[in-house]
Amino acid sequence: STIGAVPKQRKTVEAMGLRKINKTVEMPDNPAVRGMIQQVRHLVKV
């Protein structure tokens, strides 16, 4: 959950299209997406 997360991390998760727990999205493997994942690596599985 993003409940206890920093606001910047919440926005990053939402920008990736993830709204609910166990929701999955497919994104291209590029440096921008890798950077987003790095910021919230403790909240997501890749």
All heavy atoms as atom14 arrays in JSON, in Angstrom:
{
  "sequence": "STIGAVPKQRKTVEAMGLRKINKTVEMPDNPAVRGMIQQVRHLVKV",
  "atom14_mask": [
    [1, 1, 1, 1, 1, 1, 0, 0, 0, 0, 0, 0, 0, 0],
    [1, 1, 1, 1, 1, 1, 1, 0, 0, 0, 0, 0, 0, 0],
    [1, 1, 1, 1, 1, 1, 1, 1, 0, 0, 0, 0, 0, 0],
    [1, 1, 1, 1, 0, 0, 0, 0, 0, 0, 0, 0, 0, 0],
    [1, 1, 1, 1, 1, 0, 0, 0, 0, 0, 0, 0, 0, 0],
    [1, 1, 1, 1, 1, 1, 1, 0, 0, 0, 0, 0, 0, 0],
    [1, 1, 1, 1, 1, 1, 1, 0, 0, 0, 0, 0, 0, 0],
    [1, 1, 1, 1, 1, 1, 1, 1, 1, 0, 0, 0, 0, 0],
    [1, 1, 1, 1, 1, 1, 1, 1, 1, 0, 0, 0, 0, 0],
    [1, 1, 1, 1, 1, 1, 1, 1, 1, 1, 1, 0, 0, 0],
    [1, 1, 1, 1, 1, 1, 1, 1, 1, 0, 0, 0, 0, 0],
    [1, 1, 1, 1, 1, 1, 1, 0, 0, 0, 0, 0, 0, 0],
    [1, 1, 1, 1, 1, 1, 1, 0, 0, 0, 0, 0, 0, 0],
    [1, 1, 1, 1, 1, 1, 1, 1, 1, 0, 0, 0, 0, 0],
    [1, 1, 1, 1, 1, 0, 0, 0, 0, 0, 0, 0, 0, 0],
    [1, 1, 1, 1, 1, 1, 1, 1, 0, 0, 0, 0, 0, 0],
    [1, 1, 1, 1, 0, 0, 0, 0, 0, 0, 0, 0, 0, 0],
    [1, 1, 1, 1, 1, 1, 1, 1, 0, 0, 0, 0, 0, 0],
    [1, 1, 1, 1, 1, 1, 1, 1, 1, 1, 1, 0, 0, 0],
    [1, 1, 1, 1, 1, 1, 1, 1, 1, 0, 0, 0, 0, 0],
    [1, 1, 1, 1, 1, 1, 1, 1, 0, 0, 0, 0, 0, 0],
    [1, 1, 1, 1, 1, 1, 1, 1, 0, 0, 0, 0, 0, 0],
    [1, 1, 1, 1, 1, 1, 1, 1, 1, 0, 0, 0, 0, 0],
    [1, 1, 1, 1, 1, 1, 1, 0, 0, 0, 0, 0, 0, 0],
    [1, 1, 1, 1, 1, 1, 1, 0, 0, 0, 0, 0, 0, 0],
    [1, 1, 1, 1, 1, 1, 1, 1, 1, 0, 0, 0, 0, 0],
    [1, 1, 1, 1, 1, 1, 1, 1, 0, 0, 0, 0, 0, 0],
    [1, 1, 1, 1, 1, 1, 1, 0, 0, 0, 0, 0, 0, 0],
    [1, 1, 1, 1, 1, 1, 1, 1, 0, 0, 0, 0, 0, 0],
    [1, 1, 1, 1, 1, 1, 1, 1, 0, 0, 0, 0, 0, 0],
    [1, 1, 1, 1, 1, 1, 1, 0, 0, 0, 0, 0, 0, 0],
    [1, 1, 1, 1, 1, 0, 0, 0, 0, 0, 0, 0, 0, 0],
    [1, 1, 1, 1, 1, 1, 1, 0, 0, 0, 0, 0, 0, 0],
    [1, 1, 1, 1, 1, 1, 1, 1, 1, 1, 1, 0, 0, 0],
    [1, 1, 1, 1, 0, 0, 0, 0, 0, 0, 0, 0, 0, 0],
    [1, 1, 1, 1, 1, 1, 1, 1, 0, 0, 0, 0, 0, 0],
    [1, 1, 1, 1, 1, 1, 1, 1, 0, 0, 0, 0, 0, 0],
    [1, 1, 1, 1, 1, 1, 1, 1, 1, 0, 0, 0, 0, 0],
    [1, 1, 1, 1, 1, 1, 1, 1, 1, 0, 0, 0, 0, 0],
    [1, 1, 1, 1, 1, 1, 1, 0, 0, 0, 0, 0, 0, 0],
    [1, 1, 1, 1, 1, 1, 1, 1, 1, 1, 1, 0, 0, 0],
    [1, 1, 1, 1, 1, 1, 1, 1, 1, 1, 0, 0, 0, 0],
    [1, 1, 1, 1, 1, 1, 1, 1, 0, 0, 0, 0, 0, 0],
    [1, 1, 1, 1, 1, 1, 1, 0, 0, 0, 0, 0, 0, 0],
    [1, 1, 1, 1, 1, 1, 1, 1, 1, 0, 0, 0, 0, 0],
    [1, 1, 1, 1, 1, 1, 1, 0, 0, 0, 0, 0, 0, 0]
  ],
  "atom14_positions": [
    [[0.81, -1.2, 0.0], [0.0, 0.0, 0.0], [0.85, 1.26, 0.0], [1.95, 1.29, 0.55], [-0.9, 0.0, 1.24], [-1.59, 1.23, 1.34], [0.0, 0.0, 0.0], [0.0, 0.0, 0.0], [0.0, 0.0, 0.0], [0.0, 0.0, 0.0], [0.0, 0.0, 0.0], [0.0, 0.0, 0.0], [0.0, 0.0, 0.0], [0.0, 0.0, 0.0]],
    [[0.31, 2.32, -0.58], [1.0, 3.61, -0.6], [0.56, 4.51, 0.54], [0.94, 5.67, 0.59], [0.75, 4.33, -1.94], [-0.66, 4.51, -2.11], [1.32, 3.56, -3.1], [0.0, 0.0, 0.0], [0.0, 0.0, 0.0], [0.0, 0.0, 0.0], [0.0, 0.0, 0.0], [0.0, 0.0, 0.0], [0.0, 0.0, 0.0], [0.0, 0.0, 0.0]],
    [[-0.2, 3.98, 1.48], [-0.73, 4.8, 2.58], [0.39, 5.46, 3.39], [0.34, 6.64, 3.67], [-1.64, 3.96, 3.5], [-2.94, 3.65, 2.79], [-1.91, 4.7, 4.81], [-3.87, 2.74, 3.54], [0.0, 0.0, 0.0], [0.0, 0.0, 0.0], [0.0, 0.0, 0.0], [0.0, 0.0, 0.0], [0.0, 0.0, 0.0], [0.0, 0.0, 0.0]],
    [[1.43, 4.72, 3.73], [2.51, 5.29, 4.53], [3.63, 5.88, 3.71], [4.64, 6.31, 4.26], [0.0, 0.0, 0.0], [0.0, 0.0, 0.0], [0.0, 0.0, 0.0], [0.0, 0.0, 0.0], [0.0, 0.0, 0.0], [0.0, 0.0, 0.0], [0.0, 0.0, 0.0], [0.0, 0.0, 0.0], [0.0, 0.0, 0.0], [0.0, 0.0, 0.0]],
    [[3.47, 5.91, 2.41], [4.56, 6.37, 1.52], [4.63, 7.89, 1.46], [3.67, 8.6, 1.74], [4.35, 5.8, 0.13], [0.0, 0.0, 0.0], [0.0, 0.0, 0.0], [0.0, 0.0, 0.0], [0.0, 0.0, 0.0], [0.0, 0.0, 0.0], [0.0, 0.0, 0.0], [0.0, 0.0, 0.0], [0.0, 0.0, 0.0], [0.0, 0.0, 0.0]],
    [[5.79, 8.38, 1.05], [6.02, 9.8, 0.84], [5.13, 10.25, -0.34], [4.95, 9.48, -1.29], [7.52, 10.02, 0.5], [7.82, 11.47, 0.22], [8.37, 9.49, 1.63], [0.0, 0.0, 0.0], [0.0, 0.0, 0.0], [0.0, 0.0, 0.0], [0.0, 0.0, 0.0], [0.0, 0.0, 0.0], [0.0, 0.0, 0.0], [0.0, 0.0, 0.0]],
    [[4.6, 11.47, -0.31], [3.74, 11.93, -1.41], [4.37, 11.79, -2.8], [3.68, 11.44, -3.75], [3.49, 13.4, -1.07], [3.57, 13.43, 0.42], [4.63, 12.43, 0.79], [0.0, 0.0, 0.0], [0.0, 0.0, 0.0], [0.0, 0.0, 0.0], [0.0, 0.0, 0.0], [0.0, 0.0, 0.0], [0.0, 0.0, 0.0], [0.0, 0.0, 0.0]],
    [[5.66, 12.01, -2.93], [6.33, 11.87, -4.23], [6.24, 10.42, -4.72], [6.05, 10.16, -5.9], [7.79, 12.3, -4.11], [8.53, 12.29, -5.41], [9.94, 12.82, -5.24], [10.68, 12.81, -6.55], [12.05, 13.32, -6.41], [0.0, 0.0, 0.0], [0.0, 0.0, 0.0], [0.0, 0.0, 0.0], [0.0, 0.0, 0.0], [0.0, 0.0, 0.0]],
    [[6.37, 9.47, -3.8], [6.28, 8.06, -4.17], [4.85, 7.7, -4.56], [4.64, 6.93, -5.5], [6.75, 7.18, -3.02], [8.23, 7.31, -2.75], [8.66, 6.6, -1.49], [7.85, 6.2, -0.67], [9.96, 6.45, -1.33], [0.0, 0.0, 0.0], [0.0, 0.0, 0.0], [0.0, 0.0, 0.0], [0.0, 0.0, 0.0], [0.0, 0.0, 0.0]],
    [[3.88, 8.26, -3.88], [2.47, 8.01, -4.24], [2.2, 8.48, -5.66], [1.55, 7.79, -6.45], [1.54, 8.77, -3.29], [1.37, 8.14, -1.97], [0.29, 8.86, -1.19], [0.46, 8.59, 0.23], [-0.19, 9.21, 1.18], [-1.06, 10.16, 0.88], [0.01, 8.9, 2.44], [0.0, 0.0, 0.0], [0.0, 0.0, 0.0], [0.0, 0.0, 0.0]],
    [[2.69, 9.66, -5.99], [2.47, 10.21, -7.33], [3.18, 9.37, -8.4], [2.67, 9.2, -9.5], [2.94, 11.66, -7.39], [2.03, 12.58, -6.63], [2.47, 14.01, -6.71], [1.54, 14.9, -5.9], [1.96, 16.3, -5.9], [0.0, 0.0, 0.0], [0.0, 0.0, 0.0], [0.0, 0.0, 0.0], [0.0, 0.0, 0.0], [0.0, 0.0, 0.0]],
    [[4.35, 8.85, -8.05], [5.09, 8.0, -8.99], [4.3, 6.73, -9.28], [4.16, 6.32, -10.43], [6.48, 7.65, -8.43], [7.2, 8.86, -8.2], [7.26, 6.78, -9.4], [0.0, 0.0, 0.0], [0.0, 0.0, 0.0], [0.0, 0.0, 0.0], [0.0, 0.0, 0.0], [0.0, 0.0, 0.0], [0.0, 0.0, 0.0], [0.0, 0.0, 0.0]],
    [[3.77, 6.1, -8.22], [2.99, 4.87, -8.39], [1.75, 5.16, -9.23], [1.4, 4.4, -10.14], [2.61, 4.28, -7.02], [1.56, 3.19, -7.16], [3.83, 3.74, -6.3], [0.0, 0.0, 0.0], [0.0, 0.0, 0.0], [0.0, 0.0, 0.0], [0.0, 0.0, 0.0], [0.0, 0.0, 0.0], [0.0, 0.0, 0.0], [0.0, 0.0, 0.0]],
    [[1.1, 6.27, -8.95], [-0.12, 6.62, -9.7], [0.21, 6.93, -11.16], [-0.54, 6.58, -12.07], [-0.79, 7.83, -9.04], [-2.25, 7.94, -9.39], [-2.99, 8.9, -8.49], [-2.91, 8.74, -7.26], [-3.65, 9.8, -9.03], [0.0, 0.0, 0.0], [0.0, 0.0, 0.0], [0.0, 0.0, 0.0], [0.0, 0.0, 0.0], [0.0, 0.0, 0.0]],
    [[1.36, 7.56, -11.41], [1.77, 7.88, -12.78], [2.06, 6.62, -13.58], [1.94, 6.61, -14.81], [3.01, 8.77, -12.75], [0.0, 0.0, 0.0], [0.0, 0.0, 0.0], [0.0, 0.0, 0.0], [0.0, 0.0, 0.0], [0.0, 0.0, 0.0], [0.0, 0.0, 0.0], [0.0, 0.0, 0.0], [0.0, 0.0, 0.0], [0.0, 0.0, 0.0]],
    [[2.42, 5.55, -12.9], [2.66, 4.28, -13.58], [1.34, 3.57, -13.88], [1.35, 2.53, -14.53], [3.57, 3.38, -12.72], [4.94, 3.96, -12.65], [6.25, 3.21, -11.72], [5.85, 1.75, -11.05], [0.0, 0.0, 0.0], [0.0, 0.0, 0.0], [0.0, 0.0, 0.0], [0.0, 0.0, 0.0], [0.0, 0.0, 0.0], [0.0, 0.0, 0.0]],
    [[0.23, 4.11, -13.4], [-1.07, 3.51, -13.7], [-1.52, 2.51, -12.65], [-2.47, 1.76, -12.89], [0.0, 0.0, 0.0], [0.0, 0.0, 0.0], [0.0, 0.0, 0.0], [0.0, 0.0, 0.0], [0.0, 0.0, 0.0], [0.0, 0.0, 0.0], [0.0, 0.0, 0.0], [0.0, 0.0, 0.0], [0.0, 0.0, 0.0], [0.0, 0.0, 0.0]],
    [[-0.86, 2.5, -11.49], [-1.22, 1.55, -10.44], [-2.1, 2.26, -9.41], [-1.67, 3.22, -8.77], [0.06, 1.01, -9.77], [0.99, 0.25, -10.71], [2.32, 0.01, -10.04], [0.36, -1.06, -11.12], [0.0, 0.0, 0.0], [0.0, 0.0, 0.0], [0.0, 0.0, 0.0], [0.0, 0.0, 0.0], [0.0, 0.0, 0.0], [0.0, 0.0, 0.0]],
    [[-3.32, 1.79, -9.25], [-4.26, 2.42, -8.32], [-4.54, 1.54, -7.1], [-4.74, 2.04, -6.02], [-5.58, 2.71, -9.03], [-5.45, 3.54, -10.28], [-5.41, 5.02, -9.96], [-5.49, 5.82, -11.17], [-4.44, 6.35, -11.77], [-3.25, 6.15, -11.32], [-4.6, 7.1, -12.84], [0.0, 0.0, 0.0], [0.0, 0.0, 0.0], [0.0, 0.0, 0.0]],
    [[-4.59, 0.23, -7.31], [-4.94, -0.7, -6.22], [-3.87, -1.76, -6.06], [-3.12, -2.04, -6.99], [-6.27, -1.39, -6.52], [-7.45, -0.46, -6.61], [-8.71, -1.23, -6.89], [-9.91, -0.29, -6.92], [-11.15, -1.03, -7.13], [0.0, 0.0, 0.0], [0.0, 0.0, 0.0], [0.0, 0.0, 0.0], [0.0, 0.0, 0.0], [0.0, 0.0, 0.0]],
    [[-3.81, -2.35, -4.88], [-2.86, -3.42, -4.62], [-3.18, -4.6, -5.54], [-4.34, -4.9, -5.82], [-2.92, -3.85, -3.13], [-2.41, -2.71, -2.26], [-2.09, -5.09, -2.88], [-2.44, -2.98, -0.79], [0.0, 0.0, 0.0], [0.0, 0.0, 0.0], [0.0, 0.0, 0.0], [0.0, 0.0, 0.0], [0.0, 0.0, 0.0], [0.0, 0.0, 0.0]],
    [[-2.14, -5.26, -6.01], [-2.2, -6.41, -6.93], [-2.61, -6.02, -8.34], [-2.83, -6.89, -9.18], [-3.07, -7.55, -6.4], [-2.45, -8.21, -5.2], [-1.23, -8.33, -5.11], [-3.28, -8.61, -4.26], [0.0, 0.0, 0.0], [0.0, 0.0, 0.0], [0.0, 0.0, 0.0], [0.0, 0.0, 0.0], [0.0, 0.0, 0.0], [0.0, 0.0, 0.0]],
    [[-2.71, -4.74, -8.63], [-2.96, -4.28, -10.0], [-1.65, -4.38, -10.77], [-0.58, -4.08, -10.24], [-3.45, -2.83, -9.96], [-3.55, -2.15, -11.28], [-4.87, -2.4, -11.95], [-5.02, -1.43, -13.12], [-5.3, -2.05, -14.35], [0.0, 0.0, 0.0], [0.0, 0.0, 0.0], [0.0, 0.0, 0.0], [0.0, 0.0, 0.0], [0.0, 0.0, 0.0]],
    [[-1.71, -4.85, -12.0], [-0.53, -5.03, -12.83], [-0.64, -4.21, -14.11], [-1.7, -4.12, -14.71], [-0.37, -6.52, -13.2], [-0.26, -7.27, -12.0], [0.87, -6.75, -14.03], [0.0, 0.0, 0.0], [0.0, 0.0, 0.0], [0.0, 0.0, 0.0], [0.0, 0.0, 0.0], [0.0, 0.0, 0.0], [0.0, 0.0, 0.0], [0.0, 0.0, 0.0]],
    [[0.48, -3.6, -14.5], [0.55, -2.86, -15.76], [1.8, -3.31, -16.52], [2.76, -3.78, -15.93], [0.61, -1.32, -15.55], [-0.68, -0.81, -14.95], [1.8, -0.93, -14.7], [0.0, 0.0, 0.0], [0.0, 0.0, 0.0], [0.0, 0.0, 0.0], [0.0, 0.0, 0.0], [0.0, 0.0, 0.0], [0.0, 0.0, 0.0], [0.0, 0.0, 0.0]],
    [[1.75, -3.17, -17.84], [2.9, -3.46, -18.68], [3.43, -2.14, -19.21], [2.68, -1.33, -19.74], [2.51, -4.36, -19.85], [2.25, -5.78, -19.45], [1.99, -6.69, -20.65], [2.25, -6.27, -21.79], [1.53, -7.81, -20.41], [0.0, 0.0, 0.0], [0.0, 0.0, 0.0], [0.0, 0.0, 0.0], [0.0, 0.0, 0.0], [0.0, 0.0, 0.0]],
    [[4.73, -1.93, -19.04], [5.36, -0.69, -19.49], [6.62, -1.04, -20.28], [7.21, -2.09, -20.06], [5.71, 0.2, -18.3], [4.5, 0.63, -17.5], [4.88, 1.84, -16.24], [4.87, 3.33, -17.2], [0.0, 0.0, 0.0], [0.0, 0.0, 0.0], [0.0, 0.0, 0.0], [0.0, 0.0, 0.0], [0.0, 0.0, 0.0], [0.0, 0.0, 0.0]],
    [[7.03, -0.16, -21.18], [8.25, -0.43, -21.95], [9.47, -0.37, -21.04], [9.49, 0.34, -20.04], [8.28, 0.71, -22.98], [7.43, 1.77, -22.4], [6.4, 1.09, -21.56], [0.0, 0.0, 0.0], [0.0, 0.0, 0.0], [0.0, 0.0, 0.0], [0.0, 0.0, 0.0], [0.0, 0.0, 0.0], [0.0, 0.0, 0.0], [0.0, 0.0, 0.0]],
    [[10.48, -1.13, -21.4], [11.72, -1.16, -20.62], [12.64, -0.07, -21.14], [13.36, -0.25, -22.11], [12.38, -2.54, -20.75], [13.57, -2.68, -19.83], [13.85, -1.73, -19.06], [14.23, -3.73, -19.87], [0.0, 0.0, 0.0], [0.0, 0.0, 0.0], [0.0, 0.0, 0.0], [0.0, 0.0, 0.0], [0.0, 0.0, 0.0], [0.0, 0.0, 0.0]],
    [[12.57, 1.11, -20.51], [13.45, 2.22, -20.89], [13.97, 2.91, -19.63], [13.48, 2.64, -18.53], [12.72, 3.19, -21.84], [11.49, 3.8, -21.21], [11.46, 4.11, -20.02], [10.45, 3.97, -22.01], [0.0, 0.0, 0.0], [0.0, 0.0, 0.0], [0.0, 0.0, 0.0], [0.0, 0.0, 0.0], [0.0, 0.0, 0.0], [0.0, 0.0, 0.0]],
    [[14.95, 3.78, -19.75], [15.53, 4.42, -18.56], [14.54, 5.21, -17.71], [14.66, 5.23, -16.48], [16.6, 5.35, -19.14], [16.97, 4.72, -20.43], [15.71, 4.1, -20.96], [0.0, 0.0, 0.0], [0.0, 0.0, 0.0], [0.0, 0.0, 0.0], [0.0, 0.0, 0.0], [0.0, 0.0, 0.0], [0.0, 0.0, 0.0], [0.0, 0.0, 0.0]],
    [[13.54, 5.83, -18.32], [12.56, 6.61, -17.56], [11.74, 5.7, -16.65], [11.54, 6.0, -15.47], [11.65, 7.37, -18.51], [0.0, 0.0, 0.0], [0.0, 0.0, 0.0], [0.0, 0.0, 0.0], [0.0, 0.0, 0.0], [0.0, 0.0, 0.0], [0.0, 0.0, 0.0], [0.0, 0.0, 0.0], [0.0, 0.0, 0.0], [0.0, 0.0, 0.0]],
    [[11.26, 4.6, -17.19], [10.46, 3.65, -16.41], [11.33, 2.99, -15.34], [10.9, 2.81, -14.2], [9.81, 2.6, -17.33], [9.12, 1.53, -16.51], [8.82, 3.27, -18.27], [0.0, 0.0, 0.0], [0.0, 0.0, 0.0], [0.0, 0.0, 0.0], [0.0, 0.0, 0.0], [0.0, 0.0, 0.0], [0.0, 0.0, 0.0], [0.0, 0.0, 0.0]],
    [[12.57, 2.65, -15.69], [13.49, 2.05, -14.71], [13.72, 3.01, -13.53], [13.81, 2.59, -12.39], [14.82, 1.7, -15.37], [14.77, 0.53, -16.3], [14.8, -0.76, -15.55], [14.8, -1.9, -16.47], [14.93, -3.14, -16.06], [15.07, -3.43, -14.8], [14.9, -4.12, -16.94], [0.0, 0.0, 0.0], [0.0, 0.0, 0.0], [0.0, 0.0, 0.0]],
    [[13.8, 4.31, -13.81], [13.98, 5.3, -12.75], [12.76, 5.37, -11.84], [12.9, 5.5, -10.62], [0.0, 0.0, 0.0], [0.0, 0.0, 0.0], [0.0, 0.0, 0.0], [0.0, 0.0, 0.0], [0.0, 0.0, 0.0], [0.0, 0.0, 0.0], [0.0, 0.0, 0.0], [0.0, 0.0, 0.0], [0.0, 0.0, 0.0], [0.0, 0.0, 0.0]],
    [[11.57, 5.28, -12.43], [10.34, 5.29, -11.62], [10.3, 4.06, -10.72], [9.95, 4.15, -9.54], [9.11, 5.31, -12.54], [8.95, 6.58, -13.33], [7.68, 6.46, -14.59], [6.22, 6.71, -13.64], [0.0, 0.0, 0.0], [0.0, 0.0, 0.0], [0.0, 0.0, 0.0], [0.0, 0.0, 0.0], [0.0, 0.0, 0.0], [0.0, 0.0, 0.0]],
    [[10.67, 2.91, -11.27], [10.68, 1.67, -10.5], [11.69, 1.78, -9.35], [11.41, 1.36, -8.23], [11.01, 0.47, -11.4], [9.87, 0.23, -12.37], [11.29, -0.77, -10.58], [10.2, -0.74, -13.49], [0.0, 0.0, 0.0], [0.0, 0.0, 0.0], [0.0, 0.0, 0.0], [0.0, 0.0, 0.0], [0.0, 0.0, 0.0], [0.0, 0.0, 0.0]],
    [[12.83, 2.37, -9.62], [13.87, 2.5, -8.6], [13.38, 3.33, -7.41], [13.7, 3.03, -6.26], [15.12, 3.15, -9.22], [16.33, 3.18, -8.34], [16.89, 1.8, -8.05], [16.68, 0.87, -8.82], [17.6, 1.68, -6.96], [0.0, 0.0, 0.0], [0.0, 0.0, 0.0], [0.0, 0.0, 0.0], [0.0, 0.0, 0.0], [0.0, 0.0, 0.0]],
    [[12.56, 4.35, -7.67], [12.05, 5.2, -6.61], [11.07, 4.47, -5.7], [10.98, 4.78, -4.51], [11.32, 6.41, -7.19], [12.23, 7.51, -7.64], [11.45, 8.77, -7.94], [10.29, 8.72, -8.36], [12.09, 9.89, -7.72], [0.0, 0.0, 0.0], [0.0, 0.0, 0.0], [0.0, 0.0, 0.0], [0.0, 0.0, 0.0], [0.0, 0.0, 0.0]],
    [[10.32, 3.52, -6.25], [9.28, 2.83, -5.46], [9.52, 1.32, -5.44], [8.58, 0.55, -5.36], [7.87, 3.16, -6.0], [7.54, 4.62, -5.8], [7.74, 2.78, -7.46], [0.0, 0.0, 0.0], [0.0, 0.0, 0.0], [0.0, 0.0, 0.0], [0.0, 0.0, 0.0], [0.0, 0.0, 0.0], [0.0, 0.0, 0.0], [0.0, 0.0, 0.0]],
    [[10.78, 0.9, -5.48], [11.11, -0.52, -5.56], [10.61, -1.32, -4.37], [10.4, -2.52, -4.47], [12.61, -0.72, -5.76], [13.46, -0.23, -4.6], [14.94, -0.29, -4.97], [15.78, 0.27, -3.94], [16.09, 1.54, -3.83], [15.6, 2.41, -4.71], [16.86, 1.98, -2.85], [0.0, 0.0, 0.0], [0.0, 0.0, 0.0], [0.0, 0.0, 0.0]],
    [[10.38, -0.66, -3.22], [9.88, -1.36, -2.05], [8.36, -1.56, -2.09], [7.8, -2.29, -1.28], [10.27, -0.59, -0.78], [9.75, 0.82, -0.75], [10.24, 1.8, -1.58], [8.78, 1.37, -0.01], [9.59, 2.94, -1.33], [8.69, 2.69, -0.39], [0.0, 0.0, 0.0], [0.0, 0.0, 0.0], [0.0, 0.0, 0.0], [0.0, 0.0, 0.0]],
    [[7.68, -0.96, -3.06], [6.23, -1.07, -3.17], [5.78, -1.95, -4.33], [4.61, -2.35, -4.37], [5.6, 0.32, -3.37], [5.87, 1.37, -2.29], [5.3, 2.71, -2.72], [5.28, 0.93, -0.97], [0.0, 0.0, 0.0], [0.0, 0.0, 0.0], [0.0, 0.0, 0.0], [0.0, 0.0, 0.0], [0.0, 0.0, 0.0], [0.0, 0.0, 0.0]],
    [[6.68, -2.22, -5.26], [6.29, -2.94, -6.48], [7.12, -4.2, -6.7], [8.2, -4.37, -6.13], [6.42, -2.05, -7.73], [5.49, -0.86, -7.65], [7.85, -1.6, -7.95], [0.0, 0.0, 0.0], [0.0, 0.0, 0.0], [0.0, 0.0, 0.0], [0.0, 0.0, 0.0], [0.0, 0.0, 0.0], [0.0, 0.0, 0.0], [0.0, 0.0, 0.0]],
    [[6.56, -5.09, -7.54], [7.27, -6.28, -8.0], [7.38, -6.15, -9.51], [6.42, -5.81, -10.18], [6.47, -7.54, -7.63], [7.11, -8.84, -8.07], [6.29, -10.04, -7.63], [5.12, -10.21, -8.58], [4.36, -11.42, -8.39], [0.0, 0.0, 0.0], [0.0, 0.0, 0.0], [0.0, 0.0, 0.0], [0.0, 0.0, 0.0], [0.0, 0.0, 0.0]],
    [[8.59, -6.43, -10.03], [8.85, -6.24, -11.46], [9.26, -7.57, -12.1], [10.08, -8.3, -11.54], [9.96, -5.2, -11.68], [10.21, -4.99, -13.16], [9.6, -3.89, -11.01], [0.0, 0.0, 0.0], [0.0, 0.0, 0.0], [0.0, 0.0, 0.0], [0.0, 0.0, 0.0], [0.0, 0.0, 0.0], [0.0, 0.0, 0.0], [0.0, 0.0, 0.0]]
  ]
}
